[in-house]
Amino acid sequence: MALIQTLLTRNECDLVLQNIRFHLESGVDHIVLTDHLSTNGLRDHLTPFIKQGALTYIRQESHGFDQSKWVTHMANIAHNELGARWVIHTDNDEFWVATNAKSLKSAFRRRPFTNVLTAKRHNFICPESNPNPFWENMIYRRPQSFNSIGNPLPGKIAHKSAADLTIDAGNHDVTGFRKKRIRPDLLEVLHFPLRTKKQFTQKVAQGAAALNQSPDIPMGIGITWRRQFSELSNTGGISYIDENILSAGQIRQGLSEGSLITDTRLRDQMRLLNAA
């Protein structure tokens, strides 16, 4: 059973390499990566994975941002060229885990009647002091995650490989199955969108600029980036940053009150990888 991962990235080379190592170790068989205008020599860093036959590299030169089109193209490569049985769609800062299984891949076995698996996503808070690597210190999250505009954080999807599918923007849904048969409780996504104030501010500005150069993309797509960039332009800051970079005292208080919980799954796995 071939499990294929798609990964859409722009810069953040160190994070991309950690994401790739984590998912290959977790049971992903091959990664299809689209590099959107990276300027940090990412292609050279990916060469070992390409030579090993573990990664397919695509360079995307558009200054706009058509995530649905690009991810759908990667899903087609997974289906038509790589013999995918299942496909997961990820961003740089998302690390997929199986809820009650030893490996990610084992969650996909023996699912003859299911063609879509939904994955609950957890946003991790950023400690005020967060030296590299981020995963050593980012081990706290809220029991229920919300996006920057206060709505419950939408999950992500994995799906059985098939022809003529379309992946929606954000990787939150897939269309094209005659009938979707969904299983919701097998997968989780550990999400680390805010690792430093500078990193997050750059990501918002970069994302909003790309959306502004995509006139065919509906305004409802990328609404979080658009609103955060508007806030940044109007106030010089982003409230999401202030609410999610916490001091040691705030973390202790959150743990005591139950508004934060400890989740060391990524840290533990990365320690094992680095020790190997």
Foldseek 3Di string as FASTA:
>chain_A
DAEEEEEEAAEPLVLQVLQLLQQVVQPHQAYEYEYEPHDPPNVVVCVVCVVVVRYHYHYDDALADDPQVVVVVVLVCCVPPVVFFKYFYDYSFKHKAWDPDPGPVVLPPPPPPAFKEWAAEWEFFEELDQDPPNLVPRFKTFPFDDALVGHGDQIAMMGTRDPPKIQDQPRRDIDDDPDHDYDYHTMYMYGYQPHDQVSNVVVLVSNVSNNVVVVVDDCVHPVRSVVQVVCCVVPVGGVVNVVRHHYPVVVVVCVVVRRMDGHNVSVVSVVVVVVD
